[in-house]
């Protein structure tokens, strides 16, 4: 199968590229097409990597949100069990109220 370029501008560009690269017109066209396809493929790979990274970030954010929701639910259950009982004041247990230093 052969490639027949009938557009004068395209023919001129192919010849100019061949001259710049020091290769035949066919080789210049082959390399240009290969480079264009590789560039496109690399861009597609980068887009997939970017999407995968963002998907992972979203999954981590969802995991954190679920963890926070679970902890809040546990806290609500503890408060409900304790009712009106006063929660321990850990500062009072650990630190001297006058000096603020550890006991």
PDB file of N, CA and C in Angstrom:
ATOM      1  N   UNK A   1       0.842  -1.169   0.000  1.00  0.00           N
ATOM      2  CA  UNK A   1       0.000   0.000   0.000  1.00  0.00           C
ATOM      3  C   UNK A   1       0.893   1.240   0.000  1.00  0.00           C
ATOM      4  N   UNK A   2       0.565   2.183  -0.852  1.00  0.00           N
ATOM      5  CA  UNK A   2       1.414   3.375  -0.950  1.00  0.00           C
ATOM      6  C   UNK A   2       0.654   4.603  -0.476  1.00  0.00           C
ATOM      7  N   UNK A   3       1.419   5.594  -0.117  1.00  0.00           N
ATOM      8  CA  UNK A   3       0.858   6.868   0.332  1.00  0.00           C
ATOM      9  C   UNK A   3       1.124   7.885  -0.766  1.00  0.00           C
ATOM     10  N   UNK A   4       0.065   8.453  -1.299  1.00  0.00           N
ATOM     11  CA  UNK A   4       0.193   9.413  -2.380  1.00  0.00           C
ATOM     12  C   UNK A   4      -0.302  10.760  -1.858  1.00  0.00           C
ATOM     13  N   UNK A   5       0.613  11.686  -1.645  1.00  0.00           N
ATOM     14  CA  UNK A   5       0.261  13.000  -1.105  1.00  0.00           C
ATOM     15  C   UNK A   5      -0.077  13.924  -2.266  1.00  0.00           C
ATOM     16  N   UNK A   6      -1.336  14.358  -2.307  1.00  0.00           N
ATOM     17  CA  UNK A   6      -1.780  15.214  -3.406  1.00  0.00           C
ATOM     18  C   UNK A   6      -1.892  16.681  -3.002  1.00  0.00           C
ATOM     19  N   UNK A   7      -1.734  16.937  -1.720  1.00  0.00           N
ATOM     20  CA  UNK A   7      -1.817  18.316  -1.229  1.00  0.00           C
ATOM     21  C   UNK A   7      -0.431  18.960  -1.324  1.00  0.00           C
ATOM     22  N   UNK A   8      -0.301  20.052  -2.084  1.00  0.00           N
ATOM     23  CA  UNK A   8       1.018  20.678  -2.271  1.00  0.00           C
ATOM     24  C   UNK A   8       1.650  21.150  -0.956  1.00  0.00           C
ATOM     25  N   UNK A   9       0.874  21.690  -0.056  1.00  0.00           N
ATOM     26  CA  UNK A   9       1.436  22.171   1.222  1.00  0.00           C
ATOM     27  C   UNK A   9       1.979  21.004   2.031  1.00  0.00           C
ATOM     28  N   UNK A  10       1.210  19.908   2.090  1.00  0.00           N
ATOM     29  CA  UNK A  10       1.659  18.730   2.826  1.00  0.00           C
ATOM     30  C   UNK A  10       2.926  18.165   2.198  1.00  0.00           C
ATOM     31  N   UNK A  11       2.973  18.114   0.893  1.00  0.00           N
ATOM     32  CA  UNK A  11       4.156  17.626   0.195  1.00  0.00           C
ATOM     33  C   UNK A  11       5.361  18.498   0.522  1.00  0.00           C
ATOM     34  N   UNK A  12       5.170  19.812   0.502  1.00  0.00           N
ATOM     35  CA  UNK A  12       6.265  20.742   0.797  1.00  0.00           C
ATOM     36  C   UNK A  12       6.753  20.571   2.238  1.00  0.00           C
ATOM     37  N   UNK A  13       5.809  20.429   3.176  1.00  0.00           N
ATOM     38  CA  UNK A  13       6.191  20.236   4.582  1.00  0.00           C
ATOM     39  C   UNK A  13       6.964  18.930   4.760  1.00  0.00           C
ATOM     40  N   UNK A  14       6.520  17.874   4.111  1.00  0.00           N
ATOM     41  CA  UNK A  14       7.206  16.577   4.210  1.00  0.00           C
ATOM     42  C   UNK A  14       8.621  16.681   3.645  1.00  0.00           C
ATOM     43  N   UNK A  15       8.766  17.355   2.523  1.00  0.00           N
ATOM     44  CA  UNK A  15      10.094  17.530   1.927  1.00  0.00           C
ATOM     45  C   UNK A  15      10.991  18.384   2.813  1.00  0.00           C
ATOM     46  N   UNK A  16      10.431  19.423   3.406  1.00  0.00           N
ATOM     47  CA  UNK A  16      11.204  20.291   4.303  1.00  0.00           C
ATOM     48  C   UNK A  16      11.672  19.525   5.530  1.00  0.00           C
ATOM     49  N   UNK A  17      10.775  18.736   6.109  1.00  0.00           N
ATOM     50  CA  UNK A  17      11.134  17.935   7.278  1.00  0.00           C
ATOM     51  C   UNK A  17      12.210  16.910   6.911  1.00  0.00           C
ATOM     52  N   UNK A  18      12.064  16.276   5.746  1.00  0.00           N
ATOM     53  CA  UNK A  18      13.060  15.291   5.292  1.00  0.00           C
ATOM     54  C   UNK A  18      14.427  15.940   5.145  1.00  0.00           C
ATOM     55  N   UNK A  19      14.454  17.128   4.586  1.00  0.00           N
ATOM     56  CA  UNK A  19      15.723  17.836   4.413  1.00  0.00           C
ATOM     57  C   UNK A  19      16.339  18.199   5.760  1.00  0.00           C
ATOM     58  N   UNK A  20      15.516  18.680   6.679  1.00  0.00           N
ATOM     59  CA  UNK A  20      16.032  19.046   8.003  1.00  0.00           C
ATOM     60  C   UNK A  20      16.616  17.844   8.741  1.00  0.00           C
ATOM     61  N   UNK A  21      15.974  16.709   8.578  1.00  0.00           N
ATOM     62  CA  UNK A  21      16.423  15.501   9.283  1.00  0.00           C
ATOM     63  C   UNK A  21      17.468  14.710   8.501  1.00  0.00           C
ATOM     64  N   UNK A  22      17.639  15.051   7.246  1.00  0.00           N
ATOM     65  CA  UNK A  22      18.614  14.341   6.425  1.00  0.00           C
ATOM     66  C   UNK A  22      18.171  12.934   6.083  1.00  0.00           C
ATOM     67  N   UNK A  23      16.885  12.750   5.857  1.00  0.00           N
ATOM     68  CA  UNK A  23      16.341  11.431   5.527  1.00  0.00           C
ATOM     69  C   UNK A  23      15.417  11.567   4.316  1.00  0.00           C
ATOM     70  N   UNK A  24      14.920  10.444   3.862  1.00  0.00           N
ATOM     71  CA  UNK A  24      13.983  10.476   2.733  1.00  0.00           C
ATOM     72  C   UNK A  24      12.636  11.025   3.199  1.00  0.00           C
ATOM     73  N   UNK A  25      11.820  11.416   2.245  1.00  0.00           N
ATOM     74  CA  UNK A  25      10.485  11.928   2.565  1.00  0.00           C
ATOM     75  C   UNK A  25       9.678  10.840   3.282  1.00  0.00           C
ATOM     76  N   UNK A  26       9.773   9.603   2.776  1.00  0.00           N
ATOM     77  CA  UNK A  26       9.035   8.496   3.404  1.00  0.00           C
ATOM     78  C   UNK A  26       9.470   8.313   4.862  1.00  0.00           C
ATOM     79  N   UNK A  27      10.793   8.376   5.104  1.00  0.00           N
ATOM     80  CA  UNK A  27      11.300   8.216   6.474  1.00  0.00           C
ATOM     81  C   UNK A  27      10.864   9.386   7.354  1.00  0.00           C
ATOM     82  N   UNK A  28      10.889  10.580   6.813  1.00  0.00           N
ATOM     83  CA  UNK A  28      10.457  11.755   7.575  1.00  0.00           C
ATOM     84  C   UNK A  28       8.988  11.637   7.965  1.00  0.00           C
ATOM     85  N   UNK A  29       8.162  11.203   7.037  1.00  0.00           N
ATOM     86  CA  UNK A  29       6.729  11.032   7.317  1.00  0.00           C
ATOM     87  C   UNK A  29       6.530   9.920   8.346  1.00  0.00           C
ATOM     88  N   UNK A  30       7.238   8.792   8.166  1.00  0.00           N
ATOM     89  CA  UNK A  30       7.133   7.673   9.108  1.00  0.00           C
ATOM     90  C   UNK A  30       7.493   8.123  10.532  1.00  0.00           C
ATOM     91  N   UNK A  31       8.618   8.826  10.666  1.00  0.00           N
ATOM     92  CA  UNK A  31       9.050   9.285  11.996  1.00  0.00           C
ATOM     93  C   UNK A  31       8.060  10.286  12.586  1.00  0.00           C
ATOM     94  N   UNK A  32       7.577  11.196  11.766  1.00  0.00           N
ATOM     95  CA  UNK A  32       6.632  12.206  12.264  1.00  0.00           C
ATOM     96  C   UNK A  32       5.346  11.547  12.748  1.00  0.00           C
ATOM     97  N   UNK A  33       4.869  10.573  11.983  1.00  0.00           N
ATOM     98  CA  UNK A  33       3.647   9.861  12.388  1.00  0.00           C
ATOM     99  C   UNK A  33       3.884   9.060  13.669  1.00  0.00           C
ATOM    100  N   UNK A  34       5.033   8.378  13.739  1.00  0.00           N
ATOM    101  CA  UNK A  34       5.363   7.596  14.939  1.00  0.00           C
ATOM    102  C   UNK A  34       5.451   8.510  16.168  1.00  0.00           C
ATOM    103  N   UNK A  35       6.125   9.646  16.018  1.00  0.00           N
ATOM    104  CA  UNK A  35       6.260  10.594  17.128  1.00  0.00           C
ATOM    105  C   UNK A  35       4.894  11.132  17.570  1.00  0.00           C
ATOM    106  N   UNK A  36       4.038  11.431  16.590  1.00  0.00           N
ATOM    107  CA  UNK A  36       2.698  11.940  16.924  1.00  0.00           C
ATOM    108  C   UNK A  36       1.901  10.885  17.687  1.00  0.00           C
ATOM    109  N   UNK A  37       1.979   9.628  17.241  1.00  0.00           N
ATOM    110  CA  UNK A  37       1.256   8.550  17.919  1.00  0.00           C
ATOM    111  C   UNK A  37       1.818   8.293  19.313  1.00  0.00           C
ATOM    112  N   UNK A  38       3.139   8.316  19.457  1.00  0.00           N
ATOM    113  CA  UNK A  38       3.757   8.115  20.766  1.00  0.00           C
ATOM    114  C   UNK A  38       3.372   9.237  21.719  1.00  0.00           C
ATOM    115  N   UNK A  39       3.360  10.451  21.213  1.00  0.00           N
ATOM    116  CA  UNK A  39       2.973  11.597  22.040  1.00  0.00           C
ATOM    117  C   UNK A  39       1.541  11.443  22.527  1.00  0.00           C
ATOM    118  N   UNK A  40       0.693  11.027  21.626  1.00  0.00           N
ATOM    119  CA  UNK A  40      -0.725  10.824  21.974  1.00  0.00           C
ATOM    120  C   UNK A  40      -0.873   9.722  23.022  1.00  0.00           C
ATOM    121  N   UNK A  41      -0.111   8.639  22.846  1.00  0.00           N
ATOM    122  CA  UNK A  41      -0.157   7.518  23.781  1.00  0.00           C
ATOM    123  C   UNK A  41       0.362   7.941  25.161  1.00  0.00           C
ATOM    124  N   UNK A  42       1.445   8.709  25.183  1.00  0.00           N
ATOM    125  CA  UNK A  42       1.991   9.186  26.452  1.00  0.00           C
ATOM    126  C   UNK A  42       0.996  10.107  27.166  1.00  0.00           C
ATOM    127  N   UNK A  43       0.324  10.946  26.412  1.00  0.00           N
ATOM    128  CA  UNK A  43      -0.682  11.830  27.005  1.00  0.00           C
ATOM    129  C   UNK A  43      -1.833  11.020  27.586  1.00  0.00           C
ATOM    130  N   UNK A  44      -2.239   9.961  26.874  1.00  0.00           N
ATOM    131  CA  UNK A  44      -3.319   9.106  27.370  1.00  0.00           C
ATOM    132  C   UNK A  44      -2.888   8.389  28.650  1.00  0.00           C
ATOM    133  N   UNK A  45      -1.634   7.892  28.670  1.00  0.00           N
ATOM    134  CA  UNK A  45      -1.131   7.230  29.889  1.00  0.00           C
ATOM    135  C   UNK A  45      -1.094   8.197  31.064  1.00  0.00           C
ATOM    136  N   UNK A  46      -0.654   9.422  30.806  1.00  0.00           N
ATOM    137  CA  UNK A  46      -0.597  10.435  31.866  1.00  0.00           C
ATOM    138  C   UNK A  46      -1.995  10.742  32.385  1.00  0.00           C
ATOM    139  N   UNK A  47      -2.959  10.806  31.499  1.00  0.00           N
ATOM    140  CA  UNK A  47      -4.335  11.073  31.916  1.00  0.00           C
ATOM    141  C   UNK A  47      -4.870   9.934  32.778  1.00  0.00           C
ATOM    142  N   UNK A  48      -4.549   8.696  32.407  1.00  0.00           N
ATOM    143  CA  UNK A  48      -4.992   7.540  33.198  1.00  0.00           C
ATOM    144  C   UNK A  48      -4.335   7.572  34.572  1.00  0.00           C
ATOM    145  N   UNK A  49      -3.013   7.866  34.617  1.00  0.00           N
ATOM    146  CA  UNK A  49      -2.317   7.949  35.912  1.00  0.00           C
ATOM    147  C   UNK A  49      -2.947   9.024  36.786  1.00  0.00           C
ATOM    148  N   UNK A  50      -3.241  10.168  36.199  1.00  0.00           N
ATOM    149  CA  UNK A  50      -3.847  11.271  36.941  1.00  0.00           C
ATOM    150  C   UNK A  50      -5.209  10.853  37.487  1.00  0.00           C
ATOM    151  N   UNK A  51      -5.996  10.181  36.661  1.00  0.00           N
ATOM    152  CA  UNK A  51      -7.312   9.713  37.094  1.00  0.00           C
ATOM    153  C   UNK A  51      -7.179   8.708  38.232  1.00  0.00           C
ATOM    154  N   UNK A  52      -6.239   7.768  38.102  1.00  0.00           N
ATOM    155  CA  UNK A  52      -6.046   6.755  39.140  1.00  0.00           C
ATOM    156  C   UNK A  52      -5.608   7.392  40.456  1.00  0.00           C
ATOM    157  N   UNK A  53      -4.709   8.376  40.377  1.00  0.00           N
ATOM    158  CA  UNK A  53      -4.258   9.061  41.592  1.00  0.00           C
ATOM    159  C   UNK A  53      -5.418   9.789  42.264  1.00  0.00           C
ATOM    160  N   UNK A  54      -6.239  10.466  41.469  1.00  0.00           N
ATOM    161  CA  UNK A  54      -7.388  11.190  42.038  1.00  0.00           C
ATOM    162  C   UNK A  54      -8.392  10.217  42.627  1.00  0.00           C
ATOM    163  N   UNK A  55      -8.609   9.083  41.969  1.00  0.00           N
ATOM    164  CA  UNK A  55      -9.534   8.075  42.496  1.00  0.00           C
ATOM    165  C   UNK A  55      -9.038   7.559  43.843  1.00  0.00           C
ATOM    166  N   UNK A  56      -7.737   7.373  43.952  1.00  0.00           N
ATOM    167  CA  UNK A  56      -7.163   6.910  45.220  1.00  0.00           C
ATOM    168  C   UNK A  56      -7.342   7.970  46.310  1.00  0.00           C
ATOM    169  N   UNK A  57      -7.130   9.242  45.967  1.00  0.00           N
ATOM    170  CA  UNK A  57      -7.337  10.328  46.935  1.00  0.00           C
ATOM    171  C   UNK A  57      -8.780  10.370  47.406  1.00  0.00           C
ATOM    172  N   UNK A  58      -9.710  10.219  46.481  1.00  0.00           N
ATOM    173  CA  UNK A  58     -11.134  10.245  46.842  1.00  0.00           C
ATOM    174  C   UNK A  58     -11.460   9.072  47.764  1.00  0.00           C
ATOM    175  N   UNK A  59     -10.913   7.896  47.445  1.00  0.00           N
ATOM    176  CA  UNK A  59     -11.151   6.718  48.294  1.00  0.00           C
ATOM    177  C   UNK A  59     -10.610   6.950  49.708  1.00  0.00           C
ATOM    178  N   UNK A  60      -9.435   7.566  49.819  1.00  0.00           N
ATOM    179  CA  UNK A  60      -8.871   7.854  51.143  1.00  0.00           C
ATOM    180  C   UNK A  60      -9.723   8.867  51.891  1.00  0.00           C
ATOM    181  N   UNK A  61     -10.224   9.872  51.176  1.00  0.00           N
ATOM    182  CA  UNK A  61     -11.096  10.864  51.811  1.00  0.00           C
ATOM    183  C   UNK A  61     -12.382  10.206  52.298  1.00  0.00           C
ATOM    184  N   UNK A  62     -12.917   9.283  51.506  1.00  0.00           N
ATOM    185  CA  UNK A  62     -14.132   8.579  51.914  1.00  0.00           C
ATOM    186  C   UNK A  62     -13.864   7.714  53.133  1.00  0.00           C
ATOM    187  N   UNK A  63     -12.690   7.042  53.146  1.00  0.00           N
ATOM    188  CA  UNK A  63     -12.321   6.225  54.309  1.00  0.00           C
ATOM    189  C   UNK A  63     -12.249   7.093  55.563  1.00  0.00           C
ATOM    190  N   UNK A  64     -11.622   8.277  55.438  1.00  0.00           N
ATOM    191  CA  UNK A  64     -11.527   9.189  56.582  1.00  0.00           C
ATOM    192  C   UNK A  64     -12.910   9.641  57.027  1.00  0.00           C
ATOM    193  N   UNK A  65     -13.773   9.958  56.079  1.00  0.00           N
ATOM    194  CA  UNK A  65     -15.122  10.417  56.413  1.00  0.00           C
ATOM    195  C   UNK A  65     -15.895   9.316  57.129  1.00  0.00           C
ATOM    196  N   UNK A  66     -15.747   8.076  56.660  1.00  0.00           N
ATOM    197  CA  UNK A  66     -16.425   6.954  57.323  1.00  0.00           C
ATOM    198  C   UNK A  66     -15.879   6.743  58.731  1.00  0.00           C
ATOM    199  N   UNK A  67     -14.573   6.879  58.898  1.00  0.00           N
ATOM    200  CA  UNK A  67     -13.966   6.733  60.209  1.00  0.00           C
ATOM    201  C   UNK A  67     -14.486   7.805  61.159  1.00  0.00           C
ATOM    202  N   UNK A  68     -14.533   9.043  60.693  1.00  0.00           N
ATOM    203  CA  UNK A  68     -15.048  10.131  61.524  1.00  0.00           C
ATOM    204  C   UNK A  68     -16.496   9.853  61.912  1.00  0.00           C
ATOM    205  N   UNK A  69     -17.290   9.405  60.951  1.00  0.00           N
ATOM    206  CA  UNK A  69     -18.701   9.102  61.237  1.00  0.00           C
ATOM    207  C   UNK A  69     -18.807   7.982  62.269  1.00  0.00           C
ATOM    208  N   UNK A  70     -17.977   6.950  62.139  1.00  0.00           N
ATOM    209  CA  UNK A  70     -17.987   5.854  63.119  1.00  0.00           C
ATOM    210  C   UNK A  70     -17.602   6.348  64.512  1.00  0.00           C
ATOM    211  N   UNK A  71     -16.560   7.181  64.589  1.00  0.00           N
ATOM    212  CA  UNK A  71     -16.128   7.705  65.889  1.00  0.00           C
ATOM    213  C   UNK A  71     -17.191   8.590  66.517  1.00  0.00           C
ATOM    214  N   UNK A  72     -17.850   9.408  65.696  1.00  0.00           N
ATOM    215  CA  UNK A  72     -18.922  10.256  66.218  1.00  0.00           C
ATOM    216  C   UNK A  72     -20.081   9.409  66.730  1.00  0.00           C
ATOM    217  N   UNK A  73     -20.406   8.336  66.015  1.00  0.00           N
ATOM    218  CA  UNK A  73     -21.484   7.443  66.448  1.00  0.00           C
ATOM    219  C   UNK A  73     -21.119   6.755  67.763  1.00  0.00           C
ATOM    220  N   UNK A  74     -19.842   6.332  67.881  1.00  0.00           N
ATOM    221  CA  UNK A  74     -19.409   5.713  69.143  1.00  0.00           C
ATOM    222  C   UNK A  74     -19.503   6.710  70.285  1.00  0.00           C
ATOM    223  N   UNK A  75     -19.081   7.940  70.044  1.00  0.00           N
ATOM    224  CA  UNK A  75     -19.172   8.972  71.074  1.00  0.00           C
ATOM    225  C   UNK A  75     -20.605   9.215  71.494  1.00  0.00           C
ATOM    226  N   UNK A  76     -21.513   9.222  70.551  1.00  0.00           N
ATOM    227  CA  UNK A  76     -22.930   9.418  70.872  1.00  0.00           C
ATOM    228  C   UNK A  76     -23.454   8.258  71.712  1.00  0.00           C
ATOM    229  N   UNK A  77     -23.036   7.029  71.378  1.00  0.00           N
ATOM    230  CA  UNK A  77     -23.482   5.870  72.175  1.00  0.00           C
ATOM    231  C   UNK A  77     -22.930   5.947  73.598  1.00  0.00           C
ATOM    232  N   UNK A  78     -21.680   6.369  73.757  1.00  0.00           N
ATOM    233  CA  UNK A  78     -21.083   6.498  75.094  1.00  0.00           C
ATOM    234  C   UNK A  78     -21.820   7.567  75.895  1.00  0.00           C
ATOM    235  N   UNK A  79     -22.080   8.713  75.259  1.00  0.00           N
ATOM    236  CA  UNK A  79     -22.821   9.779  75.961  1.00  0.00           C
ATOM    237  C   UNK A  79     -24.208   9.318  76.355  1.00  0.00           C
ATOM    238  N   UNK A  80     -24.854   8.535  75.497  1.00  0.00           N
ATOM    239  CA  UNK A  80     -26.198   8.036  75.803  1.00  0.00           C
ATOM    240  C   UNK A  80     -26.158   7.065  76.977  1.00  0.00           C
ATOM    241  N   UNK A  81     -25.142   6.227  77.065  1.00  0.00           N
ATOM    242  CA  UNK A  81     -25.027   5.277  78.180  1.00  0.00           C
ATOM    243  C   UNK A  81     -24.731   5.984  79.499  1.00  0.00           C
ATOM    244  N   UNK A  82     -23.888   7.016  79.410  1.00  0.00           N
ATOM    245  CA  UNK A  82     -23.523   7.718  80.640  1.00  0.00           C
ATOM    246  C   UNK A  82     -24.659   8.602  81.140  1.00  0.00           C
ATOM    247  N   UNK A  83     -25.488   9.009  80.240  1.00  0.00           N
ATOM    248  CA  UNK A  83     -26.596   9.878  80.628  1.00  0.00           C
ATOM    249  C   UNK A  83     -26.066  11.179  81.182  1.00  0.00           C
ATOM    250  N   UNK A  84     -26.491  11.541  82.365  1.00  0.00           N
ATOM    251  CA  UNK A  84     -26.103  12.809  82.987  1.00  0.00           C
ATOM    252  C   UNK A  84     -24.835  12.702  83.822  1.00  0.00           C
ATOM    253  N   UNK A  85     -24.254  11.509  83.877  1.00  0.00           N
ATOM    254  CA  UNK A  85     -23.025  11.366  84.658  1.00  0.00           C
ATOM    255  C   UNK A  85     -21.951  12.277  84.070  1.00  0.00           C
ATOM    256  N   UNK A  86     -21.199  12.851  84.975  1.00  0.00           N
ATOM    257  CA  UNK A  86     -20.146  13.753  84.520  1.00  0.00           C
ATOM    258  C   UNK A  86     -18.956  12.935  84.013  1.00  0.00           C
ATOM    259  N   UNK A  87     -18.425  13.348  82.869  1.00  0.00           N
ATOM    260  CA  UNK A  87     -17.262  12.676  82.321  1.00  0.00           C
ATOM    261  C   UNK A  87     -16.029  13.040  83.140  1.00  0.00           C
ATOM    262  N   UNK A  88     -15.056  12.161  83.161  1.00  0.00           N
ATOM    263  CA  UNK A  88     -13.829  12.411  83.911  1.00  0.00           C
ATOM    264  C   UNK A  88     -13.089  13.620  83.338  1.00  0.00           C
ATOM    265  N   UNK A  89     -12.528  14.400  84.246  1.00  0.00           N
ATOM    266  CA  UNK A  89     -11.704  15.534  83.843  1.00  0.00           C
ATOM    267  C   UNK A  89     -10.252  15.059  83.866  1.00  0.00           C
ATOM    268  N   UNK A  90      -9.746  14.700  82.728  1.00  0.00           N
ATOM    269  CA  UNK A  90      -8.397  14.148  82.666  1.00  0.00           C
ATOM    270  C   UNK A  90      -7.341  15.160  83.071  1.00  0.00           C
ATOM    271  N   UNK A  91      -7.582  16.427  82.805  1.00  0.00           N
ATOM    272  CA  UNK A  91      -6.622  17.444  83.236  1.00  0.00           C
ATOM    273  C   UNK A  91      -6.475  17.428  84.757  1.00  0.00           C
ATOM    274  N   UNK A  92      -7.592  17.298  85.457  1.00  0.00           N
ATOM    275  CA  UNK A  92      -7.544  17.286  86.923  1.00  0.00           C
ATOM    276  C   UNK A  92      -6.827  16.044  87.437  1.00  0.00           C
ATOM    277  N   UNK A  93      -6.939  14.942  86.710  1.00  0.00           N
ATOM    278  CA  UNK A  93      -6.260  13.717  87.128  1.00  0.00           C
ATOM    279  C   UNK A  93      -4.751  13.780  86.883  1.00  0.00           C
ATOM    280  N   UNK A  94      -4.353  14.458  85.838  1.00  0.00           N
ATOM    281  CA  UNK A  94      -2.953  14.435  85.430  1.00  0.00           C
ATOM    282  C   UNK A  94      -2.143  15.642  85.885  1.00  0.00           C
ATOM    283  N   UNK A  95      -2.810  16.803  86.047  1.00  0.00           N
ATOM    284  CA  UNK A  95      -2.076  18.038  86.327  1.00  0.00           C
ATOM    285  C   UNK A  95      -2.535  18.678  87.625  1.00  0.00           C
ATOM    286  N   UNK A  96      -1.572  19.276  88.323  1.00  0.00           N
ATOM    287  CA  UNK A  96      -1.870  20.008  89.557  1.00  0.00           C
ATOM    288  C   UNK A  96      -2.671  21.251  89.192  1.00  0.00           C
ATOM    289  N   UNK A  97      -3.831  21.487  89.833  1.00  0.00           N
ATOM    290  CA  UNK A  97      -4.669  22.631  89.476  1.00  0.00           C
ATOM    291  C   UNK A  97      -4.009  23.978  89.785  1.00  0.00           C
ATOM    292  N   UNK A  98      -3.101  24.020  90.718  1.00  0.00           N
ATOM    293  CA  UNK A  98      -2.472  25.279  91.113  1.00  0.00           C
ATOM    294  C   UNK A  98      -1.296  25.614  90.206  1.00  0.00           C
ATOM    295  N   UNK A  99      -0.395  24.647  90.037  1.00  0.00           N
ATOM    296  CA  UNK A  99       0.827  24.913  89.262  1.00  0.00           C
ATOM    297  C   UNK A  99       0.688  24.586  87.770  1.00  0.00           C
ATOM    298  N   UNK A 100      -0.241  23.686  87.454  1.00  0.00           N
ATOM    299  CA  UNK A 100      -0.386  23.254  86.078  1.00  0.00           C
ATOM    300  C   UNK A 100       0.651  22.230  85.666  1.00  0.00           C
ATOM    301  N   UNK A 101       1.494  21.836  86.604  1.00  0.00           N
ATOM    302  CA  UNK A 101       2.531  20.843  86.317  1.00  0.00           C
ATOM    303  C   UNK A 101       1.974  19.434  86.460  1.00  0.00           C
ATOM    304  N   UNK A 102       2.593  18.474  85.792  1.00  0.00           N
ATOM    305  CA  UNK A 102       2.134  17.100  85.959  1.00  0.00           C
ATOM    306  C   UNK A 102       2.246  16.656  87.410  1.00  0.00           C
ATOM    307  N   UNK A 103       1.291  15.840  87.840  1.00  0.00           N
ATOM    308  CA  UNK A 103       1.306  15.342  89.232  1.00  0.00           C
ATOM    309  C   UNK A 103       2.364  14.299  89.409  1.00  0.00           C
TER     310      UNK A 103
END
